[in-house]
Amino acid sequence: MLKEVSKPIVLKEYIRKYTALPSLALTRSFDPTLAERLRNMLGDTTEKIAKALEESLSSETAQALNTKNIEKDFPTLAEKFWLRISLPLLELNQKITPLPSDKLKELMELEKEAARETAKLIRNTGYRYAEDLVYGLSAMIDYDAWLLEKHSQLGLEKLADTLWHRGLQETLQISIYTRYLLFAWISATSALLKLLEEYREENRDALAKWSRTYAEEVEAYIDTLDTLLDDEAYIVIEKMSELGKQA
């Protein structure tokens, strides 16, 4: 019984990770005003995330940008990066989850504003893969907006329980792709915006292109999960599945 009850509880940790907010902690390097507004809303948690990101610059991010075998090393480095930011990210989630709807909307608007400023910085470099990075950032914003909307509509308990019964594999997959997207985006953008001076250009370019690839997967899974969370659509899917078994 305990095992069955714990399953949706464990799943909660996969559906309360706001991907773009860690990346926008980079904003404080370029736009102190926006950084201050984030800090006013979320307290010193943003500073903790920013500190974890800065530490990663000399560790996982630097390794990803300088390794001679990026395809082989990327998954391990991405997981190490995620472990580094997991504790401050958990604190962030705990601050966000109980916020009233008006504050959640305000937070989302602030996140979008910071993303627009970051996108300008990326595009102003003239980098040939700039749009891949902008697309990756946009997908992270879309994912966060989707999470906030579903939390507001269903509540965390019902959302976790519904996904457990209807879309467990899809939830686990989108969790993997969001982690990979965040790390690829952070790494490539850090090189592009000169937060790191030493890097292999081929690694930066690969990570930028992977940002789009992972972003496309995230967007596709958002659509899938949206369908699975829709009661009427899910009934139709179940009926079609039964018909398929009978054929």
Protein backbone atom coordinates (compact mmCIF):
# COMPACT_ATOMS: atom_id res chain seq x y z
CA MET A 1 0.00 0.00 0.00
CA LEU A 2 2.78 2.42 0.94
CA LYS A 3 4.51 1.70 -2.37
CA GLU A 4 1.35 2.52 -4.34
CA VAL A 5 0.74 5.76 -2.43
CA SER A 6 4.34 6.91 -2.90
CA LYS A 7 4.31 6.63 -6.68
CA PRO A 8 2.49 9.91 -7.46
CA ILE A 9 4.48 11.58 -4.68
CA VAL A 10 7.74 10.62 -6.40
CA LEU A 11 6.32 11.79 -9.72
CA LYS A 12 5.77 15.26 -8.26
CA GLU A 13 9.51 15.82 -8.39
CA TYR A 14 9.40 15.40 -12.16
CA ILE A 15 6.63 17.94 -12.69
CA ARG A 16 7.75 20.81 -10.47
CA LYS A 17 11.03 21.73 -12.16
CA TYR A 18 10.83 25.16 -13.74
CA THR A 19 13.48 24.97 -16.44
CA ALA A 20 13.83 28.56 -17.64
CA LEU A 21 14.24 30.20 -14.25
CA PRO A 22 17.70 28.67 -13.68
CA SER A 23 18.80 29.75 -17.14
CA LEU A 24 17.50 33.26 -16.49
CA ALA A 25 19.69 33.51 -13.42
CA LEU A 26 22.26 34.38 -16.07
CA THR A 27 20.27 37.59 -16.53
CA ARG A 28 21.90 39.11 -13.48
CA SER A 29 25.16 39.30 -15.44
CA PHE A 30 23.51 41.50 -18.08
CA ASP A 31 20.41 43.11 -16.58
CA PRO A 32 20.67 43.92 -12.84
CA THR A 33 17.17 45.47 -12.81
CA LEU A 34 15.47 42.28 -13.93
CA ALA A 35 17.65 40.27 -11.58
CA GLU A 36 16.56 42.48 -8.67
CA ARG A 37 12.88 42.00 -9.54
CA LEU A 38 13.34 38.23 -9.57
CA ARG A 39 15.11 38.43 -6.23
CA ASN A 40 12.32 40.55 -4.74
CA MET A 41 9.75 37.94 -5.72
CA LEU A 42 11.67 34.76 -4.91
CA GLY A 43 14.13 35.87 -2.25
CA ASP A 44 17.70 34.64 -2.03
CA THR A 45 16.82 31.40 -3.83
CA THR A 46 17.72 33.03 -7.13
CA GLU A 47 21.14 33.86 -5.70
CA LYS A 48 21.64 30.24 -4.72
CA ILE A 49 20.75 29.10 -8.24
CA ALA A 50 23.04 31.73 -9.74
CA LYS A 51 25.86 30.55 -7.47
CA ALA A 52 25.32 26.93 -8.55
CA LEU A 53 25.38 28.01 -12.20
CA GLU A 54 28.59 29.96 -11.66
CA GLU A 55 30.19 26.93 -10.04
CA SER A 56 29.16 24.80 -13.00
CA LEU A 57 30.99 27.16 -15.37
CA SER A 58 34.31 25.88 -14.08
CA SER A 59 33.10 22.30 -13.89
CA GLU A 60 30.41 20.57 -15.98
CA THR A 61 29.87 23.45 -18.40
CA ALA A 62 33.59 23.92 -19.05
CA GLN A 63 34.02 20.19 -19.49
CA ALA A 64 31.16 20.01 -21.99
CA LEU A 65 32.64 22.87 -23.99
CA ASN A 66 36.15 21.44 -24.03
CA THR A 67 35.78 17.67 -24.13
CA LYS A 68 37.08 15.87 -27.20
CA ASN A 69 34.07 13.55 -27.17
CA ILE A 70 30.98 15.65 -26.49
CA GLU A 71 28.51 13.00 -27.64
CA LYS A 72 29.89 10.43 -25.18
CA ASP A 73 30.37 12.78 -22.23
CA PHE A 74 27.23 14.91 -22.54
CA PRO A 75 24.70 12.68 -20.71
CA THR A 76 26.94 12.22 -17.67
CA LEU A 77 27.82 15.91 -17.50
CA ALA A 78 24.15 16.89 -17.86
CA GLU A 79 23.20 14.69 -14.91
CA LYS A 80 26.05 16.08 -12.78
CA PHE A 81 24.91 19.59 -13.66
CA TRP A 82 21.35 18.76 -12.67
CA LEU A 83 22.51 17.33 -9.34
CA ARG A 84 24.43 20.56 -8.70
CA ILE A 85 21.36 22.77 -9.11
CA SER A 86 18.79 20.32 -7.71
CA LEU A 87 18.81 21.60 -4.11
CA PRO A 88 18.41 25.34 -4.88
CA LEU A 89 15.91 24.38 -7.60
CA LEU A 90 13.91 22.42 -5.02
CA GLU A 91 13.88 25.51 -2.78
CA LEU A 92 12.70 27.55 -5.75
CA ASN A 93 9.88 25.11 -6.46
CA GLN A 94 8.79 25.25 -2.83
CA LYS A 95 8.52 29.04 -3.09
CA ILE A 96 6.64 28.96 -6.40
CA THR A 97 4.10 26.19 -5.74
CA PRO A 98 2.07 27.98 -3.00
CA LEU A 99 1.99 31.35 -4.77
CA PRO A 100 -1.52 32.67 -5.56
CA SER A 101 -2.59 32.80 -9.20
CA ASP A 102 -1.94 36.54 -9.57
CA LYS A 103 1.62 36.12 -8.30
CA LEU A 104 2.18 33.12 -10.58
CA LYS A 105 1.03 35.23 -13.52
CA GLU A 106 3.35 38.04 -12.47
CA LEU A 107 6.24 35.59 -12.20
CA MET A 108 5.53 34.18 -15.66
CA GLU A 109 5.45 37.67 -17.18
CA LEU A 110 8.74 38.50 -15.50
CA GLU A 111 10.25 35.28 -16.81
CA LYS A 112 9.08 36.11 -20.34
CA GLU A 113 10.50 39.63 -20.09
CA ALA A 114 13.86 38.30 -18.97
CA ALA A 115 13.77 35.75 -21.80
CA ARG A 116 13.14 38.49 -24.37
CA GLU A 117 16.17 40.40 -23.11
CA THR A 118 18.30 37.26 -23.21
CA ALA A 119 17.10 36.49 -26.74
CA LYS A 120 18.19 40.00 -27.82
CA LEU A 121 21.66 39.40 -26.42
CA ILE A 122 21.91 36.10 -28.28
CA ARG A 123 20.71 37.55 -31.59
CA ASN A 124 22.95 40.61 -31.31
CA THR A 125 26.02 38.36 -31.44
CA GLY A 126 25.26 37.48 -35.05
CA TYR A 127 25.94 33.83 -34.22
CA ARG A 128 24.86 31.50 -37.01
CA TYR A 129 23.05 29.20 -34.58
CA ALA A 130 21.50 32.02 -32.57
CA GLU A 131 17.96 31.00 -33.54
CA ASP A 132 18.56 27.48 -32.25
CA LEU A 133 19.38 28.96 -28.83
CA VAL A 134 16.42 31.34 -28.94
CA TYR A 135 14.16 28.42 -29.84
CA GLY A 136 15.57 26.41 -26.93
CA LEU A 137 14.91 29.28 -24.54
CA SER A 138 11.39 29.66 -25.93
CA ALA A 139 10.68 25.96 -25.33
CA MET A 140 11.81 26.28 -21.70
CA ILE A 141 9.47 29.25 -21.26
CA ASP A 142 6.63 27.25 -22.85
CA TYR A 143 7.30 24.35 -20.52
CA ASP A 144 7.28 26.56 -17.43
CA ALA A 145 4.08 28.28 -18.56
CA TRP A 146 2.48 24.89 -19.16
CA LEU A 147 3.49 23.67 -15.70
CA LEU A 148 2.18 26.80 -14.00
CA GLU A 149 -1.10 26.54 -15.91
CA LYS A 150 -1.60 22.87 -15.01
CA HIS A 151 -0.68 23.43 -11.38
CA SER A 152 -3.20 26.27 -11.25
CA GLN A 153 -5.95 24.26 -12.97
CA LEU A 154 -5.51 20.88 -11.29
CA GLY A 155 -3.32 21.35 -8.25
CA LEU A 156 -0.10 19.44 -7.78
CA GLU A 157 -1.72 16.37 -6.21
CA LYS A 158 -4.25 15.78 -8.99
CA LEU A 159 -1.73 16.60 -11.71
CA ALA A 160 0.76 14.06 -10.36
CA ASP A 161 -1.91 11.40 -9.90
CA THR A 162 -3.37 11.90 -13.39
CA LEU A 163 0.02 11.79 -15.07
CA TRP A 164 0.92 8.69 -13.08
CA HIS A 165 -2.08 6.81 -14.47
CA ARG A 166 -2.21 8.29 -17.95
CA GLY A 167 1.25 9.49 -18.97
CA LEU A 168 4.00 8.10 -16.77
CA GLN A 169 6.44 7.30 -19.58
CA GLU A 170 5.77 10.61 -21.30
CA THR A 171 6.38 12.50 -18.05
CA LEU A 172 9.66 10.71 -17.46
CA GLN A 173 10.74 11.38 -21.05
CA ILE A 174 9.97 15.09 -20.94
CA SER A 175 11.92 15.27 -17.68
CA ILE A 176 14.99 13.85 -19.43
CA TYR A 177 14.67 16.18 -22.40
CA THR A 178 14.19 19.28 -20.22
CA ARG A 179 17.34 18.41 -18.27
CA TYR A 180 19.32 17.93 -21.48
CA LEU A 181 17.85 21.09 -22.99
CA LEU A 182 18.75 23.21 -19.98
CA PHE A 183 22.34 21.96 -19.84
CA ALA A 184 22.95 22.22 -23.59
CA TRP A 185 21.46 25.73 -23.64
CA ILE A 186 23.38 26.94 -20.58
CA SER A 187 26.66 25.58 -21.96
CA ALA A 188 26.34 26.99 -25.48
CA THR A 189 24.98 30.36 -24.28
CA SER A 190 27.74 30.71 -21.68
CA ALA A 191 30.32 30.35 -24.42
CA LEU A 192 28.47 32.64 -26.81
CA LEU A 193 28.06 35.45 -24.25
CA LYS A 194 31.69 35.13 -23.10
CA LEU A 195 30.98 33.83 -19.63
CA LEU A 196 33.63 31.28 -20.56
CA GLU A 197 36.62 32.24 -22.67
CA GLU A 198 38.10 28.84 -23.41
CA TYR A 199 36.02 26.39 -25.41
CA ARG A 200 35.97 24.35 -28.58
CA GLU A 201 33.85 26.06 -31.20
CA GLU A 202 32.67 22.70 -32.51
CA ASN A 203 31.37 21.84 -29.03
CA ARG A 204 29.59 25.18 -28.67
CA ASP A 205 27.97 24.70 -32.07
CA ALA A 206 26.94 21.11 -31.32
CA LEU A 207 25.36 22.17 -28.03
CA ALA A 208 23.51 25.03 -29.71
CA LYS A 209 22.08 22.69 -32.33
CA TRP A 210 21.18 20.12 -29.70
CA SER A 211 19.28 22.84 -27.86
CA ARG A 212 16.85 22.99 -30.78
CA THR A 213 16.64 19.20 -31.03
CA TYR A 214 15.83 18.80 -27.34
CA ALA A 215 13.45 21.78 -27.47
CA GLU A 216 11.48 20.14 -30.28
CA GLU A 217 11.12 17.02 -28.16
CA VAL A 218 9.95 19.06 -25.17
CA GLU A 219 7.35 20.87 -27.27
CA ALA A 220 6.10 17.57 -28.71
CA TYR A 221 5.75 16.02 -25.24
CA ILE A 222 3.89 19.09 -23.97
CA ASP A 223 1.31 18.52 -26.71
CA THR A 224 1.10 14.82 -25.86
CA LEU A 225 0.67 15.42 -22.13
CA ASP A 226 -1.92 18.10 -22.83
CA THR A 227 -3.97 15.53 -24.72
CA LEU A 228 -3.58 12.91 -21.97
CA LEU A 229 -4.71 15.40 -19.32
CA ASP A 230 -7.86 16.26 -21.29
CA ASP A 231 -10.58 13.93 -19.96
CA GLU A 232 -12.62 13.83 -23.18
CA ALA A 233 -9.57 13.28 -25.37
CA TYR A 234 -8.31 10.54 -23.05
CA ILE A 235 -11.64 8.70 -23.21
CA VAL A 236 -11.40 8.71 -27.01
CA ILE A 237 -7.81 7.41 -26.83
CA GLU A 238 -8.90 4.61 -24.48
CA LYS A 239 -11.77 3.62 -26.76
CA MET A 240 -9.50 3.57 -29.81
CA SER A 241 -7.01 1.46 -27.88
CA GLU A 242 -9.73 -1.05 -26.99
CA LEU A 243 -10.88 -1.21 -30.61
CA GLY A 244 -7.31 -1.80 -31.68
CA LYS A 245 -7.02 -4.72 -29.28
CA GLN A 246 -10.24 -6.24 -30.60
CA ALA A 247 -9.23 -5.92 -34.26
